[in-house]
Amino acid sequence: MLQFYYSSDLGLLDDKAEEFKKVFPKARSIRRPTIEELNIFLLQVDLFNDDQNYIIEDFVESCIKLENFLRSIKHENLNVLFLHKVDTEIYLNNSFKELFHNKDFKVVKLTEKTKRGYIDSKLKKHLVKLPKEQLKYIKDKLPPSASVIRDFVFNLSLLGEINQENIETLLKDPREDLNYYNFFAVYLSGKDYEWMLFLNKLQDDEIKKFIHPFAHKLLDFKSYLELKIKGYSLEEIALKLGTKEYFLKTYERIYDMRGSKILEWYKDFIIELYSLLISLKYSFNTNLSLLKFFLIKKNLELEE
């Protein structure tokens, strides 16, 4: 049986992996394999795993190559779960879909409404019981991110004593995997290793995918800065921008760390980036290195 799921939320894919392991507890996990590596893993004789159960995370080839490979082998005795983390929507053709047992391929992100039931399920799984007031509080404060919720509840379950102070501490800095959409916040926060590693992995054909969400976050930060400089509180800024406070907490921490000097830096950043993007518009491939150099240079200026 073959299954394939994709999502922009790694936590939801982790849920699928856990469900699979309940049925196939000895399933082996393989991360980022090529077709050649898949061929070795799926066709080898595994003395410790007679049923040939695998979880394939983030294969690096295209869906077309994966389809061709799966059609070229006998997979009746295989139980394979393919999990694919995406940052943008992907298209799966019908011939690809018909290879898999499941009918729904996209694991839809949590919403403000559905996150509440998700939190309940994770608390129950980890045997964490909270008073009604604390339960309501964390449901209001946690973002609709399965990755963040899973980490929060797991860390909560490790505490010997759960009190409001501990909850506040765990809520301060929720972890999310670095991607196109949160790159800008990590870039400004000074976590050099994370953003530089992500930047170095960018390929020439990914630059357009990177630029769009990056520019969107630039505008988000601009809106936040304009109101922050005027003296508005986080609650007031969230209200004016029509968003939730937790979506702005990262910007708040960055502003607290960088101070008002970040406003002038931001203005220069926008002007220089605009000039650079004009040139990138005509030659994306040859100027990817220029974009990387620009981001490193501007980050060093921010650290001065």
C-alpha atoms as a PDB file:
ATOM      1  CA  MET A   1       0.000   0.000   0.000  1.00  0.00           C
ATOM      2  CA  LEU A   2       1.364   3.379  -1.013  1.00  0.00           C
ATOM      3  CA  GLN A   3       0.291   6.669   0.572  1.00  0.00           C
ATOM      4  CA  PHE A   4       1.324  10.230  -0.255  1.00  0.00           C
ATOM      5  CA  TYR A   5       0.684  13.396   1.762  1.00  0.00           C
ATOM      6  CA  TYR A   6       2.010  16.929   1.499  1.00  0.00           C
ATOM      7  CA  SER A   7       1.614  19.988   3.699  1.00  0.00           C
ATOM      8  CA  SER A   8       3.252  23.299   4.550  1.00  0.00           C
ATOM      9  CA  ASP A   9       2.994  22.375   8.252  1.00  0.00           C
ATOM     10  CA  LEU A  10       5.586  19.807   9.271  1.00  0.00           C
ATOM     11  CA  GLY A  11       3.651  19.015  12.443  1.00  0.00           C
ATOM     12  CA  LEU A  12       0.706  17.679  10.436  1.00  0.00           C
ATOM     13  CA  LEU A  13       3.054  15.415   8.487  1.00  0.00           C
ATOM     14  CA  ASP A  14       4.519  14.188  11.775  1.00  0.00           C
ATOM     15  CA  ASP A  15       0.975  13.220  12.764  1.00  0.00           C
ATOM     16  CA  LYS A  16       0.679  11.107   9.612  1.00  0.00           C
ATOM     17  CA  ALA A  17       3.992   9.419  10.404  1.00  0.00           C
ATOM     18  CA  GLU A  18       2.798   8.582  13.925  1.00  0.00           C
ATOM     19  CA  GLU A  19      -0.441   7.091  12.588  1.00  0.00           C
ATOM     20  CA  PHE A  20       1.559   4.944  10.168  1.00  0.00           C
ATOM     21  CA  LYS A  21       3.897   3.726  12.913  1.00  0.00           C
ATOM     22  CA  LYS A  22       0.957   2.623  15.037  1.00  0.00           C
ATOM     23  CA  VAL A  23       0.100   0.153  12.278  1.00  0.00           C
ATOM     24  CA  PHE A  24       3.693  -0.589  11.248  1.00  0.00           C
ATOM     25  CA  PRO A  25       5.836   0.012  14.367  1.00  0.00           C
ATOM     26  CA  LYS A  26       9.046  -1.206  12.688  1.00  0.00           C
ATOM     27  CA  ALA A  27       8.709   1.145   9.723  1.00  0.00           C
ATOM     28  CA  ARG A  28      12.019   2.677   8.697  1.00  0.00           C
ATOM     29  CA  SER A  29      12.291   6.415   8.051  1.00  0.00           C
ATOM     30  CA  ILE A  30      14.311   7.637   5.083  1.00  0.00           C
ATOM     31  CA  ARG A  31      14.934  11.358   4.601  1.00  0.00           C
ATOM     32  CA  ARG A  32      15.473  13.171   1.284  1.00  0.00           C
ATOM     33  CA  PRO A  33      16.318  10.163  -0.891  1.00  0.00           C
ATOM     34  CA  THR A  34      16.999  10.323  -4.609  1.00  0.00           C
ATOM     35  CA  ILE A  35      15.382   7.849  -7.002  1.00  0.00           C
ATOM     36  CA  GLU A  36      18.593   5.814  -6.968  1.00  0.00           C
ATOM     37  CA  GLU A  37      18.512   5.645  -3.170  1.00  0.00           C
ATOM     38  CA  LEU A  38      14.820   4.737  -3.191  1.00  0.00           C
ATOM     39  CA  ASN A  39      15.628   1.896  -5.542  1.00  0.00           C
ATOM     40  CA  ILE A  40      18.169   0.558  -3.061  1.00  0.00           C
ATOM     41  CA  PHE A  41      15.971   0.941   0.014  1.00  0.00           C
ATOM     42  CA  LEU A  42      12.698  -0.346  -1.402  1.00  0.00           C
ATOM     43  CA  LEU A  43      14.108  -3.303  -3.279  1.00  0.00           C
ATOM     44  CA  GLN A  44      16.746  -4.523  -0.838  1.00  0.00           C
ATOM     45  CA  VAL A  45      16.203  -7.610   1.323  1.00  0.00           C
ATOM     46  CA  ASP A  46      15.647  -6.349   4.869  1.00  0.00           C
ATOM     47  CA  LEU A  47      16.093  -9.156   7.386  1.00  0.00           C
ATOM     48  CA  PHE A  48      14.633  -7.058  10.204  1.00  0.00           C
ATOM     49  CA  ASN A  49      11.643  -5.720   8.313  1.00  0.00           C
ATOM     50  CA  ASP A  50      10.034  -8.530   6.329  1.00  0.00           C
ATOM     51  CA  ASP A  51       6.939  -6.510   5.503  1.00  0.00           C
ATOM     52  CA  GLN A  52       8.981  -3.742   3.877  1.00  0.00           C
ATOM     53  CA  ASN A  53       7.427  -0.758   5.660  1.00  0.00           C
ATOM     54  CA  TYR A  54       8.917   2.666   5.022  1.00  0.00           C
ATOM     55  CA  ILE A  55       8.320   6.340   5.658  1.00  0.00           C
ATOM     56  CA  ILE A  56       9.874   8.458   2.914  1.00  0.00           C
ATOM     57  CA  GLU A  57      10.315  12.090   3.945  1.00  0.00           C
ATOM     58  CA  ASP A  58      10.903  14.825   1.364  1.00  0.00           C
ATOM     59  CA  PHE A  59      12.172  12.901  -1.649  1.00  0.00           C
ATOM     60  CA  VAL A  60      14.364  15.215  -3.701  1.00  0.00           C
ATOM     61  CA  GLU A  61      13.176  14.213  -7.173  1.00  0.00           C
ATOM     62  CA  SER A  62      10.136  15.436  -9.103  1.00  0.00           C
ATOM     63  CA  CYS A  63       6.722  13.768  -8.842  1.00  0.00           C
ATOM     64  CA  ILE A  64       7.054  12.687 -12.466  1.00  0.00           C
ATOM     65  CA  LYS A  65      10.286  10.812 -11.728  1.00  0.00           C
ATOM     66  CA  LEU A  66       8.734   9.285  -8.625  1.00  0.00           C
ATOM     67  CA  GLU A  67       5.714   8.129 -10.632  1.00  0.00           C
ATOM     68  CA  ASN A  68       7.901   6.562 -13.313  1.00  0.00           C
ATOM     69  CA  PHE A  69       9.953   4.788 -10.662  1.00  0.00           C
ATOM     70  CA  LEU A  70       6.917   3.402  -8.817  1.00  0.00           C
ATOM     71  CA  ARG A  71       5.438   2.127 -12.070  1.00  0.00           C
ATOM     72  CA  SER A  72       8.683   0.342 -12.855  1.00  0.00           C
ATOM     73  CA  ILE A  73       8.738  -1.780  -9.689  1.00  0.00           C
ATOM     74  CA  LYS A  74       6.457  -4.279  -7.989  1.00  0.00           C
ATOM     75  CA  HIS A  75       5.115  -2.679  -4.840  1.00  0.00           C
ATOM     76  CA  GLU A  76       2.303  -5.047  -3.824  1.00  0.00           C
ATOM     77  CA  ASN A  77       4.210  -6.152  -0.712  1.00  0.00           C
ATOM     78  CA  LEU A  78       5.397  -2.666   0.191  1.00  0.00           C
ATOM     79  CA  ASN A  79       3.786  -0.336   2.720  1.00  0.00           C
ATOM     80  CA  VAL A  80       5.233   3.082   2.031  1.00  0.00           C
ATOM     81  CA  LEU A  81       4.193   6.471   3.364  1.00  0.00           C
ATOM     82  CA  PHE A  82       5.516   9.430   1.363  1.00  0.00           C
ATOM     83  CA  LEU A  83       5.548  12.729   3.270  1.00  0.00           C
ATOM     84  CA  HIS A  84       6.456  15.931   1.473  1.00  0.00           C
ATOM     85  CA  LYS A  85       6.968  19.322   3.143  1.00  0.00           C
ATOM     86  CA  VAL A  86       6.110  22.175   0.763  1.00  0.00           C
ATOM     87  CA  ASP A  87       6.235  25.961   1.003  1.00  0.00           C
ATOM     88  CA  THR A  88       3.972  26.569  -1.978  1.00  0.00           C
ATOM     89  CA  GLU A  89       1.075  24.668  -3.554  1.00  0.00           C
ATOM     90  CA  ILE A  90       1.983  21.733  -5.804  1.00  0.00           C
ATOM     91  CA  TYR A  91       0.071  20.084  -8.632  1.00  0.00           C
ATOM     92  CA  LEU A  92      -0.394  16.312  -8.765  1.00  0.00           C
ATOM     93  CA  ASN A  93      -1.691  14.804 -11.984  1.00  0.00           C
ATOM     94  CA  ASN A  94      -4.264  12.015 -11.999  1.00  0.00           C
ATOM     95  CA  SER A  95      -1.870   9.325 -13.172  1.00  0.00           C
ATOM     96  CA  PHE A  96       0.305  10.089 -10.134  1.00  0.00           C
ATOM     97  CA  LYS A  97      -2.630  10.081  -7.711  1.00  0.00           C
ATOM     98  CA  GLU A  98      -3.965   6.726  -8.870  1.00  0.00           C
ATOM     99  CA  LEU A  99      -0.829   5.020  -7.606  1.00  0.00           C
ATOM    100  CA  PHE A 100      -1.734   5.782  -4.002  1.00  0.00           C
ATOM    101  CA  HIS A 101      -4.255   4.341  -1.582  1.00  0.00           C
ATOM    102  CA  ASN A 102      -5.334   7.667  -0.062  1.00  0.00           C
ATOM    103  CA  LYS A 103      -7.691  10.025  -1.898  1.00  0.00           C
ATOM    104  CA  ASP A 104      -6.832  13.284  -0.113  1.00  0.00           C
ATOM    105  CA  PHE A 105      -3.223  14.293  -0.616  1.00  0.00           C
ATOM    106  CA  LYS A 106      -2.994  17.775   0.866  1.00  0.00           C
ATOM    107  CA  VAL A 107      -3.073  17.920   4.669  1.00  0.00           C
ATOM    108  CA  VAL A 108      -4.879  21.205   5.208  1.00  0.00           C
ATOM    109  CA  LYS A 109      -3.364  23.669   7.668  1.00  0.00           C
ATOM    110  CA  LEU A 110      -5.056  24.341  10.971  1.00  0.00           C
ATOM    111  CA  THR A 111      -7.354  27.339  11.364  1.00  0.00           C
ATOM    112  CA  GLU A 112      -8.252  29.394  14.414  1.00  0.00           C
ATOM    113  CA  LYS A 113     -11.261  27.117  14.829  1.00  0.00           C
ATOM    114  CA  THR A 114      -9.699  23.713  14.185  1.00  0.00           C
ATOM    115  CA  LYS A 115      -6.571  24.395  16.256  1.00  0.00           C
ATOM    116  CA  ARG A 116      -8.643  24.208  19.448  1.00  0.00           C
ATOM    117  CA  GLY A 117      -9.644  20.583  18.915  1.00  0.00           C
ATOM    118  CA  TYR A 118      -6.078  19.811  17.821  1.00  0.00           C
ATOM    119  CA  ILE A 119      -4.733  21.213  21.095  1.00  0.00           C
ATOM    120  CA  ASP A 120      -7.218  19.058  23.031  1.00  0.00           C
ATOM    121  CA  SER A 121      -6.072  15.924  21.194  1.00  0.00           C
ATOM    122  CA  LYS A 122      -2.389  16.596  21.902  1.00  0.00           C
ATOM    123  CA  LEU A 123      -3.013  17.343  25.576  1.00  0.00           C
ATOM    124  CA  LYS A 124      -4.949  14.076  25.864  1.00  0.00           C
ATOM    125  CA  LYS A 125      -2.193  12.137  24.129  1.00  0.00           C
ATOM    126  CA  HIS A 126       0.424  13.457  26.579  1.00  0.00           C
ATOM    127  CA  LEU A 127      -1.899  13.030  29.581  1.00  0.00           C
ATOM    128  CA  VAL A 128      -1.804  16.741  30.382  1.00  0.00           C
ATOM    129  CA  LYS A 129      -4.785  18.098  32.283  1.00  0.00           C
ATOM    130  CA  LEU A 130      -5.281  21.834  32.750  1.00  0.00           C
ATOM    131  CA  PRO A 131      -7.808  24.002  34.573  1.00  0.00           C
ATOM    132  CA  LYS A 132     -10.393  25.560  32.266  1.00  0.00           C
ATOM    133  CA  GLU A 133      -8.844  29.023  32.590  1.00  0.00           C
ATOM    134  CA  GLN A 134      -5.365  27.846  31.557  1.00  0.00           C
ATOM    135  CA  LEU A 135      -6.770  25.705  28.750  1.00  0.00           C
ATOM    136  CA  LYS A 136      -8.674  28.655  27.308  1.00  0.00           C
ATOM    137  CA  TYR A 137      -5.576  30.839  27.673  1.00  0.00           C
ATOM    138  CA  ILE A 138      -3.260  28.587  25.675  1.00  0.00           C
ATOM    139  CA  LYS A 139      -5.936  28.029  23.020  1.00  0.00           C
ATOM    140  CA  ASP A 140      -6.171  31.786  22.568  1.00  0.00           C
ATOM    141  CA  LYS A 141      -2.403  32.317  22.554  1.00  0.00           C
ATOM    142  CA  LEU A 142      -1.084  29.428  20.461  1.00  0.00           C
ATOM    143  CA  PRO A 143      -0.967  30.001  16.682  1.00  0.00           C
ATOM    144  CA  PRO A 144      -2.735  27.597  14.287  1.00  0.00           C
ATOM    145  CA  SER A 145       0.499  25.703  13.656  1.00  0.00           C
ATOM    146  CA  ALA A 146       0.685  21.972  14.343  1.00  0.00           C
ATOM    147  CA  SER A 147       4.489  22.182  14.655  1.00  0.00           C
ATOM    148  CA  VAL A 148       4.269  24.850  17.339  1.00  0.00           C
ATOM    149  CA  ILE A 149       1.389  23.159  19.184  1.00  0.00           C
ATOM    150  CA  ARG A 150       3.115  19.756  19.196  1.00  0.00           C
ATOM    151  CA  ASP A 151       6.323  21.261  20.610  1.00  0.00           C
ATOM    152  CA  PHE A 152       4.445  23.327  23.182  1.00  0.00           C
ATOM    153  CA  VAL A 153       2.380  20.409  24.519  1.00  0.00           C
ATOM    154  CA  PHE A 154       5.380  18.066  24.552  1.00  0.00           C
ATOM    155  CA  ASN A 155       7.436  20.575  26.562  1.00  0.00           C
ATOM    156  CA  LEU A 156       4.451  21.167  28.828  1.00  0.00           C
ATOM    157  CA  SER A 157       4.228  17.435  29.527  1.00  0.00           C
ATOM    158  CA  LEU A 158       7.847  17.429  30.735  1.00  0.00           C
ATOM    159  CA  LEU A 159       7.164  19.949  33.489  1.00  0.00           C
ATOM    160  CA  GLY A 160       6.806  18.577  36.975  1.00  0.00           C
ATOM    161  CA  GLU A 161       4.531  21.448  37.906  1.00  0.00           C
ATOM    162  CA  ILE A 162       2.407  23.400  35.459  1.00  0.00           C
ATOM    163  CA  ASN A 163       1.698  26.987  36.434  1.00  0.00           C
ATOM    164  CA  GLN A 164       1.004  30.235  34.608  1.00  0.00           C
ATOM    165  CA  GLU A 165       4.651  31.286  34.709  1.00  0.00           C
ATOM    166  CA  ASN A 166       5.771  28.055  33.036  1.00  0.00           C
ATOM    167  CA  ILE A 167       3.080  28.415  30.392  1.00  0.00           C
ATOM    168  CA  GLU A 168       4.151  31.999  29.649  1.00  0.00           C
ATOM    169  CA  THR A 169       7.772  30.888  29.290  1.00  0.00           C
ATOM    170  CA  LEU A 170       6.873  28.161  26.799  1.00  0.00           C
ATOM    171  CA  LEU A 171       4.707  30.562  24.807  1.00  0.00           C
ATOM    172  CA  LYS A 172       7.439  33.178  24.408  1.00  0.00           C
ATOM    173  CA  ASP A 173       9.450  31.628  21.619  1.00  0.00           C
ATOM    174  CA  PRO A 174       7.607  28.910  19.692  1.00  0.00           C
ATOM    175  CA  ARG A 175       9.780  27.032  17.178  1.00  0.00           C
ATOM    176  CA  GLU A 176       8.898  26.808  13.530  1.00  0.00           C
ATOM    177  CA  ASP A 177      10.912  25.252  10.747  1.00  0.00           C
ATOM    178  CA  LEU A 178      12.707  27.809   8.613  1.00  0.00           C
ATOM    179  CA  ASN A 179      10.985  28.333   5.261  1.00  0.00           C
ATOM    180  CA  TYR A 180      10.306  31.003   2.624  1.00  0.00           C
ATOM    181  CA  TYR A 181       7.682  32.647   4.816  1.00  0.00           C
ATOM    182  CA  ASN A 182       9.496  32.979   8.142  1.00  0.00           C
ATOM    183  CA  PHE A 183      12.968  33.555   6.657  1.00  0.00           C
ATOM    184  CA  PHE A 184      12.723  37.348   7.000  1.00  0.00           C
ATOM    185  CA  ALA A 185      12.005  37.195  10.750  1.00  0.00           C
ATOM    186  CA  VAL A 186      14.882  34.759  11.362  1.00  0.00           C
ATOM    187  CA  TYR A 187      17.120  36.948   9.181  1.00  0.00           C
ATOM    188  CA  LEU A 188      16.419  39.985  11.394  1.00  0.00           C
ATOM    189  CA  SER A 189      16.677  38.079  14.659  1.00  0.00           C
ATOM    190  CA  GLY A 190      20.397  37.415  14.361  1.00  0.00           C
ATOM    191  CA  LYS A 191      20.242  33.624  14.092  1.00  0.00           C
ATOM    192  CA  ASP A 192      23.070  33.671  11.559  1.00  0.00           C
ATOM    193  CA  TYR A 193      23.649  29.957  11.139  1.00  0.00           C
ATOM    194  CA  GLU A 194      20.000  29.187  10.409  1.00  0.00           C
ATOM    195  CA  TRP A 195      19.324  31.795   7.742  1.00  0.00           C
ATOM    196  CA  MET A 196      22.725  31.514   6.072  1.00  0.00           C
ATOM    197  CA  LEU A 197      22.392  27.748   5.802  1.00  0.00           C
ATOM    198  CA  PHE A 198      18.918  28.145   4.307  1.00  0.00           C
ATOM    199  CA  LEU A 199      20.190  30.797   1.890  1.00  0.00           C
ATOM    200  CA  ASN A 200      23.080  28.634   0.721  1.00  0.00           C
ATOM    201  CA  LYS A 201      20.675  25.819  -0.122  1.00  0.00           C
ATOM    202  CA  LEU A 202      18.692  28.032  -2.505  1.00  0.00           C
ATOM    203  CA  GLN A 203      18.930  26.904  -6.110  1.00  0.00           C
ATOM    204  CA  ASP A 204      18.750  29.158  -9.161  1.00  0.00           C
ATOM    205  CA  ASP A 205      15.223  28.049 -10.029  1.00  0.00           C
ATOM    206  CA  GLU A 206      13.968  28.789  -6.496  1.00  0.00           C
ATOM    207  CA  ILE A 207      14.685  32.498  -6.403  1.00  0.00           C
ATOM    208  CA  LYS A 208      11.230  33.556  -7.606  1.00  0.00           C
ATOM    209  CA  LYS A 209       9.607  31.326  -4.973  1.00  0.00           C
ATOM    210  CA  PHE A 210      11.807  33.008  -2.367  1.00  0.00           C
ATOM    211  CA  ILE A 211      11.322  36.628  -3.439  1.00  0.00           C
ATOM    212  CA  HIS A 212       7.509  36.728  -3.314  1.00  0.00           C
ATOM    213  CA  PRO A 213       7.015  35.731   0.363  1.00  0.00           C
ATOM    214  CA  PHE A 214      10.148  37.687   1.317  1.00  0.00           C
ATOM    215  CA  ALA A 215       8.695  40.872  -0.192  1.00  0.00           C
ATOM    216  CA  HIS A 216       5.349  40.169   1.479  1.00  0.00           C
ATOM    217  CA  LYS A 217       7.029  39.932   4.890  1.00  0.00           C
ATOM    218  CA  LEU A 218       8.935  43.143   4.164  1.00  0.00           C
ATOM    219  CA  LEU A 219       5.610  44.946   3.757  1.00  0.00           C
ATOM    220  CA  ASP A 220       4.249  43.308   6.915  1.00  0.00           C
ATOM    221  CA  PHE A 221       7.247  44.528   8.877  1.00  0.00           C
ATOM    222  CA  LYS A 222       6.909  48.014   7.385  1.00  0.00           C
ATOM    223  CA  SER A 223       3.292  48.219   8.582  1.00  0.00           C
ATOM    224  CA  TYR A 224       4.348  47.073  12.047  1.00  0.00           C
ATOM    225  CA  LEU A 225       7.264  49.538  12.231  1.00  0.00           C
ATOM    226  CA  GLU A 226       5.184  52.539  11.190  1.00  0.00           C
ATOM    227  CA  LEU A 227       2.737  51.934  14.040  1.00  0.00           C
ATOM    228  CA  LYS A 228       5.417  50.962  16.565  1.00  0.00           C
ATOM    229  CA  ILE A 229       7.356  54.183  15.976  1.00  0.00           C
ATOM    230  CA  LYS A 230       4.164  56.124  16.679  1.00  0.00           C
ATOM    231  CA  GLY A 231       3.960  54.509  20.111  1.00  0.00           C
ATOM    232  CA  TYR A 232       1.156  52.000  19.604  1.00  0.00           C
ATOM    233  CA  SER A 233       1.104  48.916  21.847  1.00  0.00           C
ATOM    234  CA  LEU A 234       1.269  45.388  20.428  1.00  0.00           C
ATOM    235  CA  GLU A 235      -2.438  44.925  21.093  1.00  0.00           C
ATOM    236  CA  GLU A 236      -3.272  48.182  19.278  1.00  0.00           C
ATOM    237  CA  ILE A 237      -1.017  47.305  16.329  1.00  0.00           C
ATOM    238  CA  ALA A 238      -2.653  43.886  15.963  1.00  0.00           C
ATOM    239  CA  LEU A 239      -6.078  45.517  16.027  1.00  0.00           C
ATOM    240  CA  LYS A 240      -5.156  48.103  13.387  1.00  0.00           C
ATOM    241  CA  LEU A 241      -3.563  45.504  11.109  1.00  0.00           C
ATOM    242  CA  GLY A 242      -6.452  43.087  11.541  1.00  0.00           C
ATOM    243  CA  THR A 243      -4.310  40.249  12.845  1.00  0.00           C
ATOM    244  CA  LYS A 244      -3.551  38.338  16.049  1.00  0.00           C
ATOM    245  CA  GLU A 245      -0.905  39.437  18.555  1.00  0.00           C
ATOM    246  CA  TYR A 246       1.057  36.186  18.306  1.00  0.00           C
ATOM    247  CA  PHE A 247       1.690  36.791  14.592  1.00  0.00           C
ATOM    248  CA  LEU A 248       3.482  40.028  15.571  1.00  0.00           C
ATOM    249  CA  LYS A 249       5.425  38.769  18.588  1.00  0.00           C
ATOM    250  CA  THR A 250       8.488  37.976  16.484  1.00  0.00           C
ATOM    251  CA  TYR A 251       8.552  41.556  15.156  1.00  0.00           C
ATOM    252  CA  GLU A 252       8.131  42.823  18.716  1.00  0.00           C
ATOM    253  CA  ARG A 253      11.152  40.825  19.892  1.00  0.00           C
ATOM    254  CA  ILE A 254      13.199  42.051  16.939  1.00  0.00           C
ATOM    255  CA  TYR A 255      12.309  45.673  17.678  1.00  0.00           C
ATOM    256  CA  ASP A 256      13.172  45.222  21.364  1.00  0.00           C
ATOM    257  CA  MET A 257      16.528  43.751  20.351  1.00  0.00           C
ATOM    258  CA  ARG A 258      17.428  46.189  17.553  1.00  0.00           C
ATOM    259  CA  GLY A 259      15.848  49.384  18.809  1.00  0.00           C
ATOM    260  CA  SER A 260      14.690  52.340  16.707  1.00  0.00           C
ATOM    261  CA  LYS A 261      17.844  52.194  14.529  1.00  0.00           C
ATOM    262  CA  ILE A 262      16.206  49.399  12.567  1.00  0.00           C
ATOM    263  CA  LEU A 263      13.894  51.948  10.934  1.00  0.00           C
ATOM    264  CA  GLU A 264      16.747  53.717   9.098  1.00  0.00           C
ATOM    265  CA  TRP A 265      18.308  50.385   8.236  1.00  0.00           C
ATOM    266  CA  TYR A 266      14.985  49.225   6.829  1.00  0.00           C
ATOM    267  CA  LYS A 267      14.628  52.314   4.610  1.00  0.00           C
ATOM    268  CA  ASP A 268      18.091  51.774   3.103  1.00  0.00           C
ATOM    269  CA  PHE A 269      17.378  48.066   2.735  1.00  0.00           C
ATOM    270  CA  ILE A 270      14.230  48.714   0.677  1.00  0.00           C
ATOM    271  CA  ILE A 271      15.965  51.186  -1.661  1.00  0.00           C
ATOM    272  CA  GLU A 272      18.941  48.905  -2.310  1.00  0.00           C
ATOM    273  CA  LEU A 273      16.790  45.795  -2.652  1.00  0.00           C
ATOM    274  CA  TYR A 274      14.582  47.503  -5.227  1.00  0.00           C
ATOM    275  CA  SER A 275      17.627  48.338  -7.359  1.00  0.00           C
ATOM    276  CA  LEU A 276      18.876  44.784  -7.064  1.00  0.00           C
ATOM    277  CA  LEU A 277      15.519  43.252  -7.999  1.00  0.00           C
ATOM    278  CA  ILE A 278      15.401  45.344 -11.160  1.00  0.00           C
ATOM    279  CA  SER A 279      18.556  43.587 -12.325  1.00  0.00           C
ATOM    280  CA  LEU A 280      17.367  40.190 -11.078  1.00  0.00           C
ATOM    281  CA  LYS A 281      14.195  40.604 -13.107  1.00  0.00           C
ATOM    282  CA  TYR A 282      16.208  40.248 -16.269  1.00  0.00           C
ATOM    283  CA  SER A 283      18.670  37.595 -15.156  1.00  0.00           C
ATOM    284  CA  PHE A 284      17.533  35.465 -12.221  1.00  0.00           C
ATOM    285  CA  ASN A 285      20.029  32.672 -12.666  1.00  0.00           C
ATOM    286  CA  THR A 286      23.223  34.691 -13.010  1.00  0.00           C
ATOM    287  CA  ASN A 287      22.400  37.060 -10.157  1.00  0.00           C
ATOM    288  CA  LEU A 288      21.384  34.643  -7.423  1.00  0.00           C
ATOM    289  CA  SER A 289      24.836  35.106  -5.913  1.00  0.00           C
ATOM    290  CA  LEU A 290      24.250  38.881  -5.886  1.00  0.00           C
ATOM    291  CA  LEU A 291      21.094  38.457  -3.833  1.00  0.00           C
ATOM    292  CA  LYS A 292      22.918  36.260  -1.323  1.00  0.00           C
ATOM    293  CA  PHE A 293      25.774  38.762  -1.090  1.00  0.00           C
ATOM    294  CA  PHE A 294      23.311  41.633  -0.616  1.00  0.00           C
ATOM    295  CA  LEU A 295      21.478  39.892   2.247  1.00  0.00           C
ATOM    296  CA  ILE A 296      24.731  39.050   4.014  1.00  0.00           C
ATOM    297  CA  LYS A 297      26.025  42.629   3.598  1.00  0.00           C
ATOM    298  CA  LYS A 298      22.839  44.215   4.945  1.00  0.00           C
ATOM    299  CA  ASN A 299      22.747  41.817   7.881  1.00  0.00           C
ATOM    300  CA  LEU A 300      26.309  42.784   8.820  1.00  0.00           C
ATOM    301  CA  GLU A 301      25.294  46.455   8.701  1.00  0.00           C
ATOM    302  CA  LEU A 302      22.437  45.703  11.075  1.00  0.00           C
ATOM    303  CA  GLU A 303      24.840  44.067  13.525  1.00  0.00           C
ATOM    304  CA  GLU A 304      27.171  47.108  13.637  1.00  0.00           C
END
